[in-house]
């Protein structure tokens, strides 16, 4: 189940966690993967939504599990190296 599957009426503003990251533009393709495969897998495993601005290198991650999001943030930072 991904965040997209969740009923938005069930979400309370204080339950949604969000991180903003900036990664090099040349690493965006690595984060997205072939046909979006890496992005989809990360979203499914970490129950998060990834919003990627490929023109600026901005990445926003959102979800309800703070620990999973923190781990995902570290993974995205590793991909950005």
Protein backbone atom coordinates (compact mmCIF):
# COMPACT_ATOMS: atom_id res chain seq x y z
CA UNK A 1 0.00 0.00 0.00
CA UNK A 2 1.39 3.39 -0.96
CA UNK A 3 0.41 6.84 0.22
CA UNK A 4 -1.52 7.21 -3.04
CA UNK A 5 -3.78 4.34 -1.95
CA UNK A 6 -4.67 6.01 1.33
CA UNK A 7 -7.91 7.91 1.67
CA UNK A 8 -7.00 11.59 1.88
CA UNK A 9 -9.88 12.23 4.28
CA UNK A 10 -8.10 9.98 6.79
CA UNK A 11 -4.95 12.10 6.74
CA UNK A 12 -4.52 14.64 9.48
CA UNK A 13 -1.96 17.41 8.89
CA UNK A 14 -0.01 16.48 12.01
CA UNK A 15 0.32 12.85 10.83
CA UNK A 16 2.04 13.64 7.54
CA UNK A 17 5.83 13.96 7.66
CA UNK A 18 7.83 15.62 4.91
CA UNK A 19 11.50 16.08 4.00
CA UNK A 20 12.96 18.31 1.29
CA UNK A 21 16.27 17.33 -0.27
CA UNK A 22 18.42 18.70 -3.06
CA UNK A 23 20.42 16.25 -5.15
CA UNK A 24 22.66 16.76 -8.18
CA UNK A 25 20.74 16.82 -11.46
CA UNK A 26 22.96 14.08 -12.89
CA UNK A 27 21.78 11.71 -10.10
CA UNK A 28 18.04 12.21 -10.74
CA UNK A 29 17.97 9.44 -13.37
CA UNK A 30 19.56 7.03 -10.89
CA UNK A 31 16.91 7.86 -8.28
CA UNK A 32 14.05 7.42 -10.75
CA UNK A 33 15.42 4.29 -12.43
CA UNK A 34 14.41 2.69 -15.69
CA UNK A 35 10.72 3.43 -16.34
CA UNK A 36 10.46 4.77 -12.77
CA UNK A 37 11.24 1.37 -11.27
CA UNK A 38 13.50 2.59 -8.45
CA UNK A 39 11.14 5.41 -7.48
CA UNK A 40 8.16 3.02 -7.42
CA UNK A 41 10.01 0.46 -5.33
CA UNK A 42 11.15 3.08 -2.81
CA UNK A 43 7.59 4.40 -2.54
CA UNK A 44 6.22 0.90 -1.94
CA UNK A 45 8.84 -0.25 0.55
CA UNK A 46 8.84 2.95 2.60
CA UNK A 47 5.12 3.77 2.21
CA UNK A 48 6.06 7.21 0.95
CA UNK A 49 5.41 9.56 -1.93
CA UNK A 50 8.40 10.92 -3.84
CA UNK A 51 8.02 14.18 -5.75
CA UNK A 52 11.05 14.79 -7.95
CA UNK A 53 11.76 18.05 -9.78
CA UNK A 54 14.34 16.92 -12.32
CA UNK A 55 15.04 20.43 -13.61
CA UNK A 56 16.15 21.69 -10.18
CA UNK A 57 17.20 18.51 -8.38
CA UNK A 58 14.61 19.02 -5.65
CA UNK A 59 13.17 15.92 -4.00
CA UNK A 60 10.25 15.95 -1.57
CA UNK A 61 9.35 12.82 0.37
CA UNK A 62 6.10 12.48 2.28
CA UNK A 63 4.64 9.76 4.44
CA UNK A 64 3.20 8.82 7.79
CA UNK A 65 6.02 6.77 9.30
CA UNK A 66 8.77 9.11 10.50
CA UNK A 67 11.34 6.33 10.93
CA UNK A 68 10.79 4.95 7.43
CA UNK A 69 11.04 8.46 5.97
CA UNK A 70 14.27 9.14 7.85
CA UNK A 71 15.74 5.92 6.44
CA UNK A 72 14.51 6.81 2.95
CA UNK A 73 16.11 10.25 3.27
CA UNK A 74 19.45 8.59 4.01
CA UNK A 75 19.06 6.25 1.02
CA UNK A 76 18.33 9.19 -1.28
CA UNK A 77 21.39 11.01 0.07
CA UNK A 78 23.50 7.92 -0.67
CA UNK A 79 22.14 7.78 -4.23
CA UNK A 80 23.01 11.47 -4.61
CA UNK A 81 26.73 10.89 -3.93
